[in-house]
Amino acid sequence: MKKNKLLIAFAFAACSGAVMADDKIDYSLSVKSWQNNINVSNTSTNVTTQSANSPIVTLTAKKGDYFVSTNLMLQSAYSYRTAYMLRKDVDLTLGYRYKNNLSFVVGQSYMTVKDGTQSNWVDKYSGYFLGVSGFEMLSDKVYATASYRYMPSLKNSGTGTDKYRDTKGYSAEVGLGYTLNNTTQLTAGYRFQQIKNYNTTQSRSESNTVKGIIAGVNVNF
């Protein structure tokens, strides 16, 4: 039990959800499927897209209590009536395992959104984030996880005509994991992301929310 706690802690803290076999294994690969939709709301509009599947690939490397992680959400297509939207994300993370079941992370996030409803404009967001993650063993095989990341300031650029300020966001995820063996684990949970800003061109506050069920498999090597 004690060994498994140590392994789950540093891997989940890297935002991959992976569980390492022992301290000699340096890498893990996580592949997940996020069934989600996007809600766009402002003072005049409240639109929720149809559900889309977003593949997410995460590679984590660890040494001692420190780890680095690269997280890629492949381009995902969303539709609403005759409109469509494309989105992809990339995260780079550095982390430190403070305790066996608690870790802190810092990193850089990049997001690209293309909206086909307005002459195919593209919005790009980038900014740093701070986060915390932890876990709790429920049995020898099952564990619960939770994580939170806050993005206090995001830069916005793109080909759209609207301009924004005060852009910020956060994301949270809760879930369960099941250890099949020392090299393979299954995970499932719920992920929520939100970005808020003020549209200076339209003189209104806006919110973009992405949420849905996420599940995947982690392999250690």
Protein backbone atom coordinates (compact mmCIF):
# COMPACT_ATOMS: atom_id res chain seq x y z
CA MET A 1 0.00 0.00 0.00
CA LYS A 2 2.72 2.50 0.93
CA LYS A 3 4.56 1.85 -2.32
CA ASN A 4 1.46 2.42 -4.43
CA LYS A 5 0.75 5.72 -2.65
CA LEU A 6 4.16 7.08 -3.56
CA LEU A 7 3.75 6.10 -7.20
CA ILE A 8 0.28 7.51 -7.66
CA ALA A 9 1.26 10.80 -6.03
CA PHE A 10 4.07 11.93 -8.29
CA ALA A 11 2.43 10.73 -11.50
CA PHE A 12 -0.96 12.30 -10.91
CA ALA A 13 0.70 15.52 -9.84
CA ALA A 14 2.20 15.73 -13.32
CA CYS A 15 -1.37 16.04 -14.64
CA SER A 16 -1.06 12.75 -16.52
CA GLY A 17 -3.04 10.57 -14.15
CA ALA A 18 -0.41 7.87 -14.54
CA VAL A 19 0.86 5.55 -11.82
CA MET A 20 4.49 4.52 -11.89
CA ALA A 21 5.70 1.05 -10.97
CA ASP A 22 8.59 2.18 -8.76
CA ASP A 23 11.09 5.01 -8.34
CA LYS A 24 13.38 3.52 -11.01
CA ILE A 25 10.86 4.11 -13.80
CA ASP A 26 11.27 7.59 -15.26
CA TYR A 27 8.54 7.90 -17.90
CA SER A 28 4.82 7.41 -18.34
CA LEU A 29 2.42 7.81 -21.25
CA SER A 30 -1.25 8.66 -20.82
CA VAL A 31 -3.89 8.51 -23.56
CA LYS A 32 -7.36 9.82 -22.74
CA SER A 33 -10.66 10.55 -24.41
CA TRP A 34 -12.57 13.64 -23.28
CA GLN A 35 -16.24 13.72 -24.31
CA ASN A 36 -17.05 17.41 -23.91
CA ASN A 37 -18.94 20.41 -25.22
CA ILE A 38 -18.32 24.16 -25.28
CA ASN A 39 -20.65 26.79 -23.87
CA VAL A 40 -20.20 30.37 -25.11
CA SER A 41 -22.09 33.03 -23.20
CA ASN A 42 -22.28 36.81 -23.06
CA THR A 43 -24.98 39.44 -22.53
CA SER A 44 -26.73 38.55 -25.79
CA THR A 45 -25.81 34.91 -26.48
CA ASN A 46 -25.80 31.60 -24.65
CA VAL A 47 -24.84 28.75 -27.00
CA THR A 48 -23.78 25.17 -26.22
CA THR A 49 -22.19 23.12 -28.98
CA GLN A 50 -22.82 19.48 -29.70
CA SER A 51 -20.63 17.04 -27.81
CA ALA A 52 -17.22 16.26 -29.31
CA ASN A 53 -14.46 13.77 -28.55
CA SER A 54 -11.08 15.26 -27.68
CA PRO A 55 -8.08 12.87 -27.64
CA ILE A 56 -5.46 13.89 -25.04
CA VAL A 57 -1.88 12.57 -24.97
CA THR A 58 0.44 13.22 -22.03
CA LEU A 59 4.11 12.28 -21.59
CA THR A 60 5.64 12.59 -18.12
CA ALA A 61 9.26 12.31 -16.96
CA LYS A 62 10.27 12.19 -13.29
CA LYS A 63 13.43 12.31 -11.22
CA GLY A 64 13.21 12.28 -7.46
CA ASP A 65 10.44 14.61 -6.31
CA TYR A 66 10.56 16.69 -9.51
CA PHE A 67 8.80 16.03 -12.80
CA VAL A 68 8.05 17.55 -16.19
CA SER A 69 5.04 16.88 -18.36
CA THR A 70 3.84 17.67 -21.89
CA ASN A 71 0.10 17.56 -22.47
CA LEU A 72 -1.45 17.75 -25.96
CA MET A 73 -5.17 17.94 -26.71
CA LEU A 74 -5.49 17.11 -30.40
CA GLN A 75 -7.61 19.33 -32.60
CA SER A 76 -11.29 18.78 -31.83
CA ALA A 77 -14.28 19.83 -33.93
CA TYR A 78 -17.48 21.26 -32.41
CA SER A 79 -20.70 22.15 -34.19
CA TYR A 80 -23.83 24.17 -33.45
CA ARG A 81 -26.48 24.05 -36.16
CA THR A 82 -24.60 25.21 -39.28
CA ALA A 83 -21.67 26.71 -37.36
CA TYR A 84 -18.48 24.95 -36.35
CA MET A 85 -15.49 25.49 -34.08
CA LEU A 86 -12.03 23.89 -33.91
CA ARG A 87 -9.87 23.84 -30.79
CA LYS A 88 -6.52 22.42 -29.68
CA ASP A 89 -4.42 22.86 -26.51
CA VAL A 90 -0.80 22.34 -25.47
CA ASP A 91 0.44 22.46 -21.85
CA LEU A 92 4.01 22.35 -20.52
CA THR A 93 4.26 21.56 -16.80
CA LEU A 94 6.93 21.56 -14.08
CA GLY A 95 6.05 20.01 -10.74
CA TYR A 96 7.25 19.17 -7.26
CA ARG A 97 5.94 16.44 -4.99
CA TYR A 98 5.57 18.16 -1.63
CA LYS A 99 4.12 15.15 0.18
CA ASN A 100 3.25 11.60 -0.80
CA ASN A 101 -0.29 12.62 -1.77
CA LEU A 102 0.09 16.33 -2.52
CA SER A 103 1.99 18.12 -5.30
CA PHE A 104 2.29 21.59 -6.78
CA VAL A 105 2.73 22.53 -10.44
CA VAL A 106 3.53 25.54 -12.58
CA GLY A 107 3.46 25.71 -16.35
CA GLN A 108 2.58 27.36 -19.62
CA SER A 109 -0.65 26.81 -21.56
CA TYR A 110 -1.37 27.46 -25.24
CA MET A 111 -4.86 27.31 -26.78
CA THR A 112 -6.02 27.87 -30.35
CA VAL A 113 -9.68 28.36 -31.31
CA LYS A 114 -10.95 28.69 -34.89
CA ASP A 115 -14.56 29.76 -35.38
CA GLY A 116 -16.14 29.10 -38.77
CA THR A 117 -19.10 31.36 -38.01
CA GLN A 118 -17.08 34.58 -38.40
CA SER A 119 -15.00 34.23 -41.57
CA ASN A 120 -12.80 31.53 -40.02
CA TRP A 121 -11.21 33.84 -37.47
CA VAL A 122 -8.58 32.34 -35.19
CA ASP A 123 -8.04 33.26 -31.53
CA LYS A 124 -4.86 32.23 -29.71
CA TYR A 125 -4.45 32.24 -25.93
CA SER A 126 -1.26 31.77 -23.93
CA GLY A 127 -0.37 32.19 -20.29
CA TYR A 128 1.12 30.59 -17.21
CA PHE A 129 -0.77 28.57 -14.63
CA LEU A 130 -0.36 27.50 -11.01
CA GLY A 131 -1.89 24.31 -9.69
CA VAL A 132 -2.22 21.69 -7.01
CA SER A 133 -3.18 18.02 -7.16
CA GLY A 134 -3.68 15.15 -4.76
CA PHE A 135 -5.09 11.70 -4.28
CA GLU A 136 -6.60 9.40 -1.67
CA MET A 137 -6.35 5.61 -1.64
CA LEU A 138 -9.77 3.95 -1.38
CA SER A 139 -8.46 0.37 -1.51
CA ASP A 140 -5.35 -1.50 -2.64
CA LYS A 141 -6.42 -1.03 -6.28
CA VAL A 142 -8.70 2.02 -6.35
CA TYR A 143 -7.79 5.66 -5.71
CA ALA A 144 -9.56 9.02 -5.97
CA THR A 145 -7.88 12.04 -7.56
CA ALA A 146 -8.44 15.78 -7.77
CA SER A 147 -6.58 18.67 -9.38
CA TYR A 148 -7.00 22.42 -9.84
CA ARG A 149 -5.16 24.93 -12.06
CA TYR A 150 -5.54 28.70 -12.12
CA MET A 151 -4.49 30.96 -15.02
CA PRO A 152 -4.42 34.53 -13.63
CA SER A 153 -3.63 36.23 -16.94
CA LEU A 154 -3.87 35.05 -20.55
CA LYS A 155 -2.57 36.88 -23.60
CA ASN A 156 -4.90 36.94 -26.59
CA SER A 157 -4.04 37.34 -30.27
CA GLY A 158 -5.50 36.29 -33.60
CA THR A 159 -7.19 37.30 -36.82
CA GLY A 160 -10.56 38.26 -35.33
CA THR A 161 -11.73 41.88 -35.23
CA ASP A 162 -12.76 41.80 -31.54
CA LYS A 163 -10.27 42.82 -28.86
CA TYR A 164 -10.18 41.54 -25.25
CA ARG A 165 -8.79 42.39 -21.84
CA ASP A 166 -8.78 40.86 -18.33
CA THR A 167 -8.57 37.33 -19.76
CA LYS A 168 -8.17 34.62 -17.12
CA GLY A 169 -9.29 31.05 -16.49
CA TYR A 170 -9.13 27.88 -14.45
CA SER A 171 -9.59 24.15 -14.80
CA ALA A 172 -10.50 21.36 -12.39
CA GLU A 173 -10.73 17.59 -12.59
CA VAL A 174 -11.93 14.87 -10.24
CA GLY A 175 -11.83 11.14 -10.90
CA LEU A 176 -11.06 7.58 -9.97
CA GLY A 177 -8.20 5.30 -10.94
CA TYR A 178 -7.87 1.54 -11.00
CA THR A 179 -4.49 -0.20 -10.99
CA LEU A 180 -4.46 -3.23 -13.30
CA ASN A 181 -0.79 -4.01 -12.62
CA ASN A 182 2.53 -2.24 -12.05
CA THR A 183 2.59 -0.83 -15.58
CA THR A 184 -1.04 -0.21 -16.57
CA GLN A 185 -3.84 1.79 -14.98
CA LEU A 186 -7.34 2.87 -15.99
CA THR A 187 -8.77 6.30 -15.11
CA ALA A 188 -12.14 8.00 -15.38
CA GLY A 189 -13.45 11.34 -14.20
CA TYR A 190 -14.96 14.74 -14.98
CA ARG A 191 -13.02 17.73 -16.33
CA PHE A 192 -14.12 21.39 -16.31
CA GLN A 193 -12.36 24.37 -17.93
CA GLN A 194 -13.43 28.00 -18.12
CA ILE A 195 -11.99 31.18 -19.65
CA LYS A 196 -13.46 34.61 -18.94
CA ASN A 197 -12.63 38.01 -20.44
CA TYR A 198 -14.01 41.40 -21.35
CA ASN A 199 -14.68 42.11 -25.01
CA THR A 200 -13.69 45.77 -25.43
CA THR A 201 -14.98 45.86 -29.01
CA GLN A 202 -18.47 44.69 -28.02
CA SER A 203 -18.36 46.23 -24.50
CA ARG A 204 -19.41 43.02 -22.77
CA SER A 205 -18.13 40.26 -20.51
CA GLU A 206 -17.76 36.81 -22.10
CA SER A 207 -17.32 33.27 -20.82
CA ASN A 208 -16.18 30.08 -22.57
CA THR A 209 -16.73 26.81 -20.69
CA VAL A 210 -15.57 23.34 -21.71
CA LYS A 211 -16.74 20.35 -19.65
CA GLY A 212 -17.39 16.64 -19.87
CA ILE A 213 -16.48 13.08 -18.92
CA ILE A 214 -12.89 11.92 -19.40
CA ALA A 215 -11.46 8.37 -19.41
CA GLY A 216 -8.20 6.76 -20.43
CA VAL A 217 -5.31 4.41 -19.87
CA ASN A 218 -1.80 5.03 -18.50
CA VAL A 219 1.29 2.98 -19.31
CA ASN A 220 4.62 3.19 -17.50
CA PHE A 221 7.93 2.31 -19.11
